[in-house]
Structures are given as C-alpha cells and as structure tokens.
Protein backbone atom coordinates (compact mmCIF):
# COMPACT_ATOMS: atom_id res chain seq x y z
CA MET A 1 0.00 0.00 0.00
CA HIS A 2 1.03 3.61 -0.40
CA SER A 3 1.28 6.60 1.88
CA GLY A 4 2.28 10.17 1.23
CA ASN A 5 1.80 12.13 -1.99
CA ILE A 6 1.82 10.95 -5.59
CA THR A 7 2.58 13.72 -8.08
CA ILE A 8 2.27 13.27 -11.85
CA GLU A 9 3.95 16.39 -13.18
CA ASN A 10 2.96 16.33 -16.85
CA ILE A 11 0.47 13.97 -18.46
CA THR A 12 1.76 12.74 -21.82
CA LYS A 13 -0.11 12.31 -25.10
CA ILE A 14 -2.82 14.93 -24.48
CA GLU A 15 -3.44 18.36 -26.02
CA GLY A 16 -1.57 20.57 -23.57
CA THR A 17 0.02 20.49 -20.16
CA ALA A 18 -1.63 19.06 -17.05
CA GLY A 19 -0.65 17.25 -13.90
CA VAL A 20 -2.11 15.28 -11.01
CA GLU A 21 -1.41 15.51 -7.28
CA VAL A 22 -2.67 12.73 -5.03
CA THR A 23 -2.62 12.85 -1.22
CA ILE A 24 -2.84 9.48 0.55
CA GLU A 25 -3.45 8.99 4.27
CA ASN A 26 -4.10 5.65 5.98
CA ASP A 27 -4.35 3.82 2.67
CA LYS A 28 -7.02 6.16 1.35
CA VAL A 29 -6.96 9.04 -1.12
CA THR A 30 -7.93 12.10 0.88
CA ASP A 31 -7.33 14.66 -1.86
CA LEU A 32 -6.75 14.64 -5.61
CA LYS A 33 -6.07 17.59 -7.86
CA PHE A 34 -6.20 17.57 -11.66
CA ILE A 35 -4.18 20.66 -12.52
CA ILE A 36 -4.47 22.42 -15.88
CA LYS A 37 -1.19 24.28 -16.23
CA ASP A 38 -1.54 26.25 -19.46
CA TYR A 39 -1.85 29.93 -18.56
CA ARG A 40 -4.92 32.00 -19.26
CA ARG A 41 -4.65 34.00 -22.47
CA PHE A 42 -7.60 36.41 -22.09
CA TYR A 43 -9.05 36.05 -25.59
CA THR A 44 -12.50 37.14 -24.45
CA GLU A 45 -11.09 40.37 -23.03
CA ALA A 46 -9.17 41.06 -26.24
CA VAL A 47 -12.35 41.26 -28.37
CA LEU A 48 -14.06 43.85 -26.16
CA GLY A 49 -14.62 47.10 -28.02
CA LYS A 50 -13.83 45.46 -31.36
CA PRO A 51 -16.25 45.13 -34.32
CA TYR A 52 -18.25 41.93 -34.16
CA ILE A 53 -17.18 41.00 -37.68
CA ALA A 54 -13.63 40.47 -36.38
CA SER A 55 -14.35 38.26 -33.39
CA PRO A 56 -14.94 34.83 -35.03
CA SER A 57 -11.63 34.77 -36.87
CA PHE A 58 -9.78 36.07 -33.82
CA LEU A 59 -11.41 33.61 -31.41
CA SER A 60 -10.63 30.67 -33.68
CA ARG A 61 -7.06 31.23 -32.44
CA ILE A 62 -8.04 29.93 -29.00
CA CYS A 63 -7.12 26.46 -30.24
CA GLY A 64 -5.30 25.25 -33.32
CA THR A 65 -6.64 21.72 -33.04
CA CYS A 66 -10.33 22.67 -32.88
CA SER A 67 -10.08 26.08 -34.52
CA VAL A 68 -13.15 25.37 -36.67
CA ALA A 69 -15.28 24.68 -33.58
CA HIS A 70 -14.45 28.06 -32.04
CA LEU A 71 -14.93 29.78 -35.40
CA PHE A 72 -18.40 28.32 -35.94
CA ALA A 73 -19.52 28.83 -32.33
CA SER A 74 -18.50 32.48 -32.53
CA LEU A 75 -20.18 32.94 -35.91
CA GLU A 76 -23.39 31.48 -34.49
CA ALA A 77 -23.25 33.77 -31.44
CA ILE A 78 -22.76 36.89 -33.57
CA GLU A 79 -25.41 35.86 -36.09
CA LYS A 80 -27.98 35.28 -33.36
CA SER A 81 -27.16 38.62 -31.75
CA GLN A 82 -28.01 40.28 -35.08
CA ASP A 83 -30.96 38.01 -36.00
CA ILE A 84 -29.16 36.85 -39.15
CA VAL A 85 -30.75 33.86 -40.91
CA LEU A 86 -28.41 31.64 -42.91
CA THR A 87 -29.16 30.18 -46.32
CA GLU A 88 -29.55 26.41 -46.63
CA GLN A 89 -26.35 26.25 -48.68
CA THR A 90 -24.34 27.96 -45.94
CA ARG A 91 -25.75 25.60 -43.32
CA LEU A 92 -24.87 22.53 -45.40
CA LEU A 93 -21.37 23.71 -46.23
CA ARG A 94 -20.64 24.46 -42.59
CA ARG A 95 -21.89 20.98 -41.75
CA VAL A 96 -19.47 19.33 -44.20
CA ALA A 97 -16.59 21.47 -42.96
CA TYR A 98 -17.42 20.38 -39.43
CA ASP A 99 -17.38 16.74 -40.54
CA GLY A 100 -13.84 17.37 -41.77
CA LEU A 101 -12.85 18.83 -38.39
CA MET A 102 -14.20 15.80 -36.52
CA ILE A 103 -12.51 13.31 -38.84
CA ARG A 104 -9.14 15.01 -38.49
CA ASP A 105 -9.30 15.73 -34.76
CA HIS A 106 -10.61 12.32 -33.70
CA ALA A 107 -7.99 10.60 -35.86
CA LEU A 108 -5.25 12.61 -34.15
CA HIS A 109 -6.43 11.65 -30.68
CA LEU A 110 -7.27 8.02 -31.33
CA TYR A 111 -4.31 6.96 -33.43
CA PHE A 112 -1.52 9.16 -32.14
CA PHE A 113 -2.44 9.34 -28.44
CA VAL A 114 -4.61 6.30 -27.58
CA LEU A 115 -3.34 3.68 -30.04
CA PRO A 116 -0.03 3.26 -28.14
CA ASP A 117 -2.09 2.28 -25.06
CA VAL A 118 -4.04 -0.22 -27.16
CA LEU A 119 -0.82 -1.76 -28.50
CA GLY A 120 0.93 -1.71 -25.12
CA ILE A 121 3.72 0.61 -26.26
CA ASP A 122 4.83 4.08 -25.22
CA SER A 123 4.62 5.89 -28.56
CA ILE A 124 3.69 5.42 -32.20
CA LEU A 125 7.44 5.62 -32.83
CA ASP A 126 7.67 2.16 -31.26
CA ILE A 127 5.37 0.57 -33.87
CA PRO A 128 7.35 -1.99 -35.92
CA ASP A 129 8.20 -0.86 -39.44
CA THR A 130 6.84 -3.99 -41.07
CA HIS A 131 3.97 -3.82 -43.53
CA ASP A 132 2.02 -6.75 -42.09
CA ASP A 133 2.17 -5.54 -38.48
CA PRO A 134 -1.35 -4.59 -37.25
CA GLY A 135 -0.05 -1.43 -35.59
CA HIS A 136 1.78 -0.43 -38.76
CA ILE A 137 -1.42 -0.88 -40.79
CA LEU A 138 -3.45 1.19 -38.31
CA LEU A 139 -0.85 3.94 -38.27
CA HIS A 140 -0.99 4.27 -42.04
CA ASP A 141 -4.79 4.25 -41.82
CA SER A 142 -4.48 7.21 -39.46
CA PHE A 143 -2.44 9.22 -41.96
CA ASP A 144 -5.06 8.65 -44.67
CA ILE A 145 -8.00 9.46 -42.38
CA LYS A 146 -6.42 12.57 -40.88
CA LYS A 147 -5.35 13.84 -44.32
CA LEU A 148 -8.87 13.41 -45.68
CA GLY A 149 -10.35 15.41 -42.81
CA THR A 150 -7.82 18.16 -43.43
CA ASP A 151 -8.53 18.22 -47.17
CA ILE A 152 -12.29 18.46 -46.64
CA THR A 153 -11.89 21.62 -44.58
CA ASP A 154 -9.33 22.98 -47.04
CA VAL A 155 -11.81 22.65 -49.92
CA ILE A 156 -14.92 23.85 -48.09
CA ILE A 157 -13.63 26.67 -45.86
CA GLY A 158 -10.14 27.39 -47.19
CA ALA A 159 -7.99 25.84 -44.44
CA ALA A 160 -8.14 23.28 -41.66
CA ILE A 161 -6.89 25.83 -39.13
CA HIS A 162 -8.07 29.47 -38.97
CA ALA A 163 -10.20 29.09 -42.10
CA PRO A 164 -10.54 32.26 -44.24
CA TYR A 165 -13.77 31.56 -46.20
CA PRO A 166 -16.51 31.64 -43.49
CA THR A 167 -17.80 34.99 -42.33
CA VAL A 168 -20.79 36.35 -40.43
CA GLY A 169 -23.82 35.47 -42.52
CA GLY A 170 -22.18 33.19 -45.06
CA PHE A 171 -18.97 32.74 -47.04
CA LEU A 172 -16.47 35.27 -48.36
CA ARG A 173 -15.60 32.74 -51.04
CA THR A 174 -17.81 29.92 -52.30
CA PRO A 175 -16.13 26.50 -52.37
CA ASP A 176 -15.32 25.09 -55.81
CA PRO A 177 -17.75 22.23 -56.57
CA ALA A 178 -15.33 20.87 -59.18
CA LYS A 179 -13.27 19.57 -56.24
CA PHE A 180 -16.17 17.62 -54.70
CA PRO A 181 -15.94 14.44 -56.86
CA ALA A 182 -12.38 13.74 -55.70
CA LEU A 183 -13.47 14.11 -52.07
CA ILE A 184 -16.45 11.81 -52.65
CA GLU A 185 -14.18 9.14 -54.13
CA ARG A 186 -11.77 9.35 -51.19
CA LEU A 187 -14.60 9.28 -48.64
CA GLU A 188 -15.93 6.05 -50.14
CA LYS A 189 -12.46 4.54 -50.22
CA ILE A 190 -11.66 5.41 -46.59
CA ARG A 191 -14.63 3.57 -45.04
CA PRO A 192 -12.94 0.15 -44.64
CA GLN A 193 -10.00 1.81 -42.89
CA VAL A 194 -12.32 3.66 -40.52
CA LEU A 195 -14.19 0.43 -39.77
CA ARG A 196 -10.89 -1.28 -38.96
CA GLY A 197 -10.22 1.44 -36.41
CA ILE A 198 -13.68 1.08 -34.87
CA LYS A 199 -13.12 -2.64 -34.32
CA THR A 200 -9.70 -1.92 -32.79
CA PHE A 201 -11.12 0.46 -30.20
CA TYR A 202 -14.09 -1.81 -29.54
CA ASP A 203 -11.70 -4.67 -28.74
CA TYR A 204 -9.71 -2.42 -26.35
CA LYS A 205 -11.08 -3.55 -22.99
CA GLN A 206 -10.60 -0.92 -20.29
CA GLU A 207 -13.22 0.03 -17.74
CA LEU A 208 -13.87 2.85 -15.32
CA LEU A 209 -17.51 3.55 -14.64
CA SER A 210 -18.24 7.23 -14.05
CA ASP A 211 -21.03 8.48 -11.79
CA ALA A 212 -21.49 11.62 -13.88
CA ASP A 213 -24.49 12.93 -15.72
CA PHE A 214 -24.12 13.60 -19.44
CA LEU A 215 -24.76 16.70 -21.53
CA CYS A 216 -24.75 17.35 -25.28
CA LEU A 217 -26.70 18.75 -28.21
CA ARG A 218 -29.54 16.65 -29.58
CA ASN A 219 -31.09 17.58 -32.91
CA GLY A 220 -34.03 15.18 -32.88
CA THR A 221 -33.86 14.48 -36.62
CA SER A 222 -30.16 13.84 -37.35
CA PHE A 223 -26.79 13.32 -35.68
CA ASP A 224 -25.68 16.95 -35.67
CA PHE A 225 -22.69 18.74 -34.16
CA ILE A 226 -23.89 22.29 -34.89
CA GLU A 227 -27.66 22.45 -34.48
CA GLY A 228 -29.83 21.08 -31.68
CA GLU A 229 -31.02 21.55 -28.12
CA ILE A 230 -28.79 21.20 -25.08
CA THR A 231 -29.98 18.00 -23.38
CA ASN A 232 -29.02 16.42 -20.06
CA SER A 233 -29.32 12.90 -18.65
CA ASP A 234 -32.86 13.58 -17.44
CA GLY A 235 -33.93 14.44 -20.97
CA LYS A 236 -34.38 18.10 -20.06
CA ALA A 237 -33.93 20.45 -23.02
CA ILE A 238 -32.08 23.64 -22.12
CA THR A 239 -32.54 26.80 -24.15
CA GLU A 240 -29.17 27.94 -25.46
CA SER A 241 -29.71 31.53 -24.36
CA ASN A 242 -30.29 30.32 -20.77
CA PHE A 243 -27.26 28.07 -20.46
CA HIS A 244 -25.79 30.25 -17.69
CA ASP A 245 -28.80 29.35 -15.53
CA PHE A 246 -27.73 25.70 -15.57
CA LEU A 247 -23.95 25.64 -15.88
CA LYS A 248 -22.38 26.97 -12.70
CA SER A 249 -18.71 27.90 -12.68
CA VAL A 250 -16.56 26.67 -9.81
CA VAL A 251 -13.25 28.27 -8.90
CA VAL A 252 -10.46 25.67 -8.94
CA PRO A 253 -7.70 27.56 -7.08
CA TYR A 254 -4.84 25.24 -8.07
CA SER A 255 -5.76 25.14 -11.77
CA GLN A 256 -5.59 27.69 -14.57
CA SER A 257 -9.13 26.74 -15.63
CA GLU A 258 -12.53 27.12 -14.03
CA GLY A 259 -14.58 24.00 -13.41
CA TYR A 260 -18.31 23.62 -14.00
CA VAL A 261 -21.19 21.79 -12.36
CA PHE A 262 -24.76 21.38 -13.58
CA SER A 263 -27.39 23.48 -11.80
CA ASP A 264 -27.58 24.43 -8.14
CA GLN A 265 -27.42 20.75 -7.19
CA HIS A 266 -23.72 20.90 -8.11
CA ASP A 267 -23.87 17.71 -10.15
CA ASN A 268 -20.70 16.88 -12.02
CA TYR A 269 -21.27 16.04 -15.66
CA LEU A 270 -19.43 14.74 -18.70
CA VAL A 271 -19.37 16.11 -22.25
CA GLY A 272 -17.87 14.64 -25.40
CA SER A 273 -18.32 11.77 -27.82
CA LEU A 274 -19.49 9.39 -25.09
CA ALA A 275 -22.36 11.73 -24.19
CA ARG A 276 -23.23 12.16 -27.87
CA LEU A 277 -23.40 8.41 -28.58
CA ASN A 278 -25.35 7.83 -25.36
CA PHE A 279 -28.01 10.33 -26.40
CA ASN A 280 -27.90 10.24 -30.20
CA LYS A 281 -27.00 6.76 -31.44
CA ASP A 282 -30.53 6.44 -32.83
CA LEU A 283 -29.82 9.44 -35.07
CA LEU A 284 -26.68 8.10 -36.74
CA ASN A 285 -26.53 8.11 -40.54
CA PRO A 286 -28.38 4.96 -41.72
CA ARG A 287 -25.29 3.65 -43.51
CA THR A 288 -23.15 4.22 -40.42
CA LYS A 289 -25.69 2.59 -38.16
CA ALA A 290 -25.89 -0.49 -40.38
CA ASP A 291 -22.12 -1.00 -40.42
CA VAL A 292 -21.49 -0.47 -36.68
CA GLN A 293 -24.60 -2.17 -35.31
CA GLU A 294 -22.59 -4.79 -33.39
CA TYR A 295 -20.68 -2.05 -31.56
CA LEU A 296 -23.64 0.16 -30.67
CA SER A 297 -24.89 -2.26 -28.03
CA VAL A 298 -22.38 -0.82 -25.53
CA PHE A 299 -24.22 2.53 -25.57
CA PRO A 300 -25.52 4.07 -23.40
CA SER A 301 -22.40 3.54 -21.33
CA ARG A 302 -20.83 5.01 -18.20
CA ASN A 303 -17.40 3.61 -19.03
CA VAL A 304 -15.19 6.64 -19.72
CA HIS A 305 -12.92 4.51 -21.95
CA HIS A 306 -15.85 4.07 -24.32
CA ASN A 307 -15.29 7.71 -25.28
CA ASN A 308 -12.55 6.35 -27.55
CA LEU A 309 -14.95 3.95 -29.28
CA ALA A 310 -17.53 6.73 -29.57
CA GLN A 311 -14.98 8.95 -31.33
CA ALA A 312 -14.13 6.15 -33.75
CA ILE A 313 -17.82 5.70 -34.61
CA GLU A 314 -18.19 9.46 -35.07
CA ILE A 315 -15.44 9.39 -37.69
CA LEU A 316 -17.57 7.02 -39.79
CA GLN A 317 -20.67 9.12 -39.11
CA CYS A 318 -18.85 12.18 -40.46
CA VAL A 319 -17.59 10.29 -43.51
CA ASP A 320 -21.12 9.17 -44.40
CA ASP A 321 -22.69 12.55 -43.64
CA ALA A 322 -20.14 14.36 -45.81
CA LEU A 323 -20.82 11.87 -48.61
CA ASP A 324 -24.55 12.56 -48.45
CA VAL A 325 -24.14 16.33 -48.58
CA LEU A 326 -21.42 16.47 -51.23
CA LYS A 327 -23.32 14.10 -53.53
CA ASN A 328 -26.51 16.14 -53.39
CA ILE A 329 -25.65 19.81 -52.86
CA LYS A 330 -26.00 22.17 -55.83
CA ILE A 331 -23.62 25.07 -55.32
CA VAL A 332 -24.65 28.57 -56.36
CA ASP A 333 -22.57 31.70 -55.97
CA GLU A 334 -23.99 33.38 -52.87
CA LYS A 335 -22.93 36.58 -51.20
CA PRO A 336 -23.01 36.87 -47.39
CA VAL A 337 -26.25 38.32 -46.08
CA LYS A 338 -26.24 42.01 -45.26
CA MET A 339 -24.78 42.59 -41.81
CA PRO A 340 -26.84 44.90 -39.60
CA LYS A 341 -25.55 46.81 -36.60
CA LYS A 342 -27.93 46.53 -33.71
CA ALA A 343 -27.75 45.87 -30.01
CA GLY A 344 -28.29 42.25 -29.12
CA THR A 345 -27.02 39.15 -27.35
CA GLY A 346 -26.42 35.82 -29.02
CA VAL A 347 -25.30 32.38 -27.88
CA GLY A 348 -23.54 29.89 -30.13
CA VAL A 349 -23.40 26.26 -29.04
CA VAL A 350 -21.64 23.52 -30.99
CA GLU A 351 -20.31 20.07 -30.23
CA ALA A 352 -16.54 20.48 -30.39
CA PRO A 353 -14.56 17.23 -30.74
CA ARG A 354 -14.16 17.10 -26.95
CA GLY A 355 -17.68 18.18 -26.04
CA THR A 356 -20.16 21.02 -25.86
CA LEU A 357 -18.66 24.46 -26.55
CA TYR A 358 -20.39 27.75 -25.68
CA HIS A 359 -19.77 31.24 -27.05
CA MET A 360 -21.84 34.21 -25.81
CA ALA A 361 -21.59 37.64 -27.46
CA ARG A 362 -23.23 40.91 -26.43
CA VAL A 363 -23.09 43.56 -29.13
CA ASN A 364 -23.99 47.26 -28.88
CA GLU A 365 -25.86 49.37 -31.43
CA LYS A 366 -22.58 50.30 -33.15
CA GLY A 367 -21.72 46.68 -33.82
CA MET A 368 -19.01 46.54 -31.16
CA ILE A 369 -18.49 43.68 -28.70
CA GLU A 370 -19.48 44.73 -25.16
CA ASP A 371 -19.19 41.34 -23.46
CA TYR A 372 -17.99 37.89 -24.49
CA ASP A 373 -17.84 34.54 -22.75
CA VAL A 374 -16.47 31.15 -23.76
CA ILE A 375 -16.96 27.83 -21.94
CA VAL A 376 -14.85 25.00 -23.30
CA PRO A 377 -15.37 21.22 -22.90
CA THR A 378 -12.25 20.49 -20.86
CA SER A 379 -13.29 23.03 -18.21
CA GLN A 380 -16.64 21.26 -17.96
CA ASN A 381 -15.00 17.84 -17.64
CA GLN A 382 -12.34 18.94 -15.16
CA ILE A 383 -14.26 18.18 -11.95
CA ASN A 384 -15.43 14.82 -13.26
CA ILE A 385 -11.89 13.85 -14.28
CA GLU A 386 -10.82 14.47 -10.68
CA LYS A 387 -13.67 12.36 -9.28
CA ASP A 388 -12.98 9.49 -11.66
CA LEU A 389 -9.25 9.54 -10.89
CA LYS A 390 -9.96 9.52 -7.15
CA LYS A 391 -12.31 6.58 -7.64
CA TYR A 392 -9.63 4.68 -9.56
CA PHE A 393 -6.85 5.37 -7.05
CA ASN A 394 -8.97 4.39 -4.04
CA ALA A 395 -9.82 1.06 -5.67
CA ASN A 396 -6.25 0.27 -6.74
CA LEU A 397 -3.82 1.52 -4.09
CA ASP A 398 -2.46 -2.01 -3.72
CA LYS A 399 -0.93 -1.79 -7.20
CA PRO A 400 2.65 -0.64 -7.97
CA GLU A 401 3.28 3.06 -8.48
CA ASP A 402 4.18 2.65 -12.15
CA VAL A 403 0.88 0.89 -12.81
CA LEU A 404 -1.07 3.65 -11.05
CA ARG A 405 0.64 6.29 -13.17
CA VAL A 406 0.05 4.51 -16.47
CA GLU A 407 -3.59 3.74 -15.74
CA ALA A 408 -4.29 7.28 -14.50
CA GLU A 409 -2.91 8.64 -17.76
CA LYS A 410 -5.17 6.32 -19.75
CA ILE A 411 -8.20 7.65 -17.89
CA ILE A 412 -7.23 11.25 -18.56
CA ARG A 413 -6.49 10.51 -22.22
CA ALA A 414 -9.91 8.87 -22.58
CA TYR A 415 -11.46 12.28 -21.88
CA ASP A 416 -9.26 13.75 -24.64
CA PRO A 417 -8.60 16.97 -22.68
CA CYS A 418 -7.29 19.92 -24.67
CA MET A 419 -5.05 22.60 -23.18
CA SER A 420 -2.54 23.18 -26.02
CA CYS A 421 -0.01 21.01 -27.84
CA ALA A 422 2.05 18.84 -25.46
CA THR A 423 5.53 17.45 -26.01
CA ASN A 424 6.54 16.76 -22.42
CA PHE A 425 7.53 13.41 -21.01
CA LEU A 426 5.98 12.39 -17.73
CA LYS A 427 7.85 13.15 -14.52
CA ILE A 428 6.63 11.71 -11.21
CA ASP A 429 7.72 12.77 -7.75
CA TRP A 430 6.87 10.26 -5.01
CA ILE A 431 6.77 12.17 -1.72
CA ARG A 432 6.53 10.00 1.40
CA LYS A 433 5.18 11.30 4.69
C-alpha cells in the first residue's frame, strides 16, 4: 500500500500540459487535484470594443486543433445577436466542414495518443516498421484518415486551421464544386480503414464507470454537431440563451481553468463523444448505423474509456454525412447576407470534438463587442476527471506506483482533454510522509 503524496507532473499524449497531485493517508486518497497548467490568455477580453465581424476569426485562435469549432460557435453567437438567418447552402457547407474537423481531430487523438495504449507501447514511434504488423497498418490508416479530414476543410472553408472563407452570414468565397468528386471518391475509399479502427477500439477492454451525468446537443432528426437543443441525462432540453442558468462555474484555485457543475445541485457532468453516442445513437446516418450495429450495443455507457470507441464511430458518421451532402448539394454563388448593426445578445453552441462548446456575445448598437464569454469542454469535464481519478486510485492503491501512473494517464487521455499542444515526457515525484 502507499502513503504520502503521488505527483504526476505532466500527463503525456494529451493536447496541452496538465498534472495530477494525489494525497494518501491511511491507505485512502484524501485529496486529488487535476491541474491544468496552461496559462490564461484572455481572448475574451481582447475582443471587447472590437467590431463583431472580427471576433470569429480572432477567437478561432483559442485552439489550433479545434479552430473550426471556435470559429463556428463564434459565428453562431454573432449571427444570433443580429438576427441573421443563414441560407440552406451555408448551413450545409458548414456541416461538411465540421465533418472534416471531426474526422481530423478524432484521428489525431485516437491513433496518435490512444493507439499506443491499445498496442501496449509508449509511442507510435515504437510501432514496428513492417507492412504486415497490425499497428503499422493502423498507423498508415491514421495518416489517410487525418489527411482526408484536413482536405475536406481545405476545400470547403479554405484551411483546416483558422479558415478564411466563413464569415458572419455566409462565405467570403464559395467552395469550388469541381473539387467535390475527388473528395467523394476518397470518402468512399476510406470507409474500410475507418471500420478497422472502430473494431480496434471496440476490442480495447478498459473500464472505469463514471457516476457523472451527461450533456450534449440533440437535434431530434439527425446526428448533428452544430444544431440542436442542449440536453441532459434527465432528458431536459435547455434553451441555449439560458445556459448560464444551468452551468455553474466553480473556482479551482490550483488550476488555470474554471470547473463547472450542472445546476444548483452541483452535479458533475461529462461532455464529449461518449455523451453524444449515449443520447444520439438512434440518429446516426443509416449507412453508419448499419455497419457499426454490433458495436452500438455498448451505448448508453458510463465507461469513460468508451469515449474512444464513440470517437471512432463518429469518424464514420462524419464520412457518411459528408458523402450525403457532397453528392446532393447544388452550389450557387452566394454573397453573405447584409450585416446589420444593432444591439443584441447571441449564444452559439456547438459540439466540439471534446464536447459542448459555448460562445456568448453581447453587441452594442454600433456593432461593437461589449461582453464575451467562452466555456470549453475540458473546463466542464475537469471536476469529473478528478472524481474518476480519485475513484480509480482508491480502488487500486495495492498496485505498484508505475501501474497507477500509467492507468491514470489512460483515464485522462480517454477524456481527450485539450489545453494546447504537449511534447513533455511524464515526470513523477513520489513524496513519502
């Protein structure tokens, strides 16, 4: 058994820098801190007093990995503040671009960060360089899948990161439909590789049952990352404009990020792919649903490691959704709708790769930003990550320290937290009392 403190300085293979401090007394975890170390960058303060037209592009810089999510959430917030109604073409093109984001981002997490855990190695650099090795095959699948996601966003919105085409009310430049047939061909070709990944993460047997509630968008008619109602585990639909009445911020003094609980009952909750599959598996694309039917039986699930499987299934969902749109859309040259300047408040809510993302914008009559707020998925998951880690440690203190460290990292990686890009190796200090 262990006594004293366990400190995990920097968690490896996540988006950013985080650590864990565990205090153990009398063979029981008395305190556990999940510490987000990336410093605050004050993006929401930087847009104050600026024209609303500038905020979406600027706020997409919050994160390189999920830049498109912040861009689209900000666009939605501004558009709602000005009562701007989008054309059907703009809505469909944004949907396809978002499919590209999800394909690329999930592939990065699953194959580059989680796959080494599945294969029992430290890094993808340890995968044997032999063409018939299963890990080698999966790694090359990952390159093809990630590249396709990147190319979809390049074609539709001009770039995978900090895209230049989208603007308030539409597109500054209409995508070239002559490039769609090549994307359609590649999307069809990639499906067997995506299905191979789904089976791999289904066969990866890890379990930690979380006591959390779940929260995500639910469209009601389709599996949608951009449009829908905020829904919790009780089936309650939350109006986007009233989200502050339900999500309560909690000061986490040892972390650079706020935490969040649901409502005045202070319930911890979980956002991300696991929540989306738990609530929305019935809304999957029919082709996706048919091909992953044997794997869907695990949902709804409270096993946090099933977030990896849920992400893998979402990749196929996005492939099939993009195919449907690109095969049927008829592109016309549209100009962005006229942008008014009026006082108003708007809330944009999207499902970022890691969970529900909120942007709130208050604009004055001159079209300037007076107030802005952003709530990101990792902040919402922070408290639940701590509770799940504490649950794991208390149940496994009889195991060696190296095992505790490795398994704790797997739990954190399952949440796919995003702070920034991480290149640190893990350092552990074992402090005995």
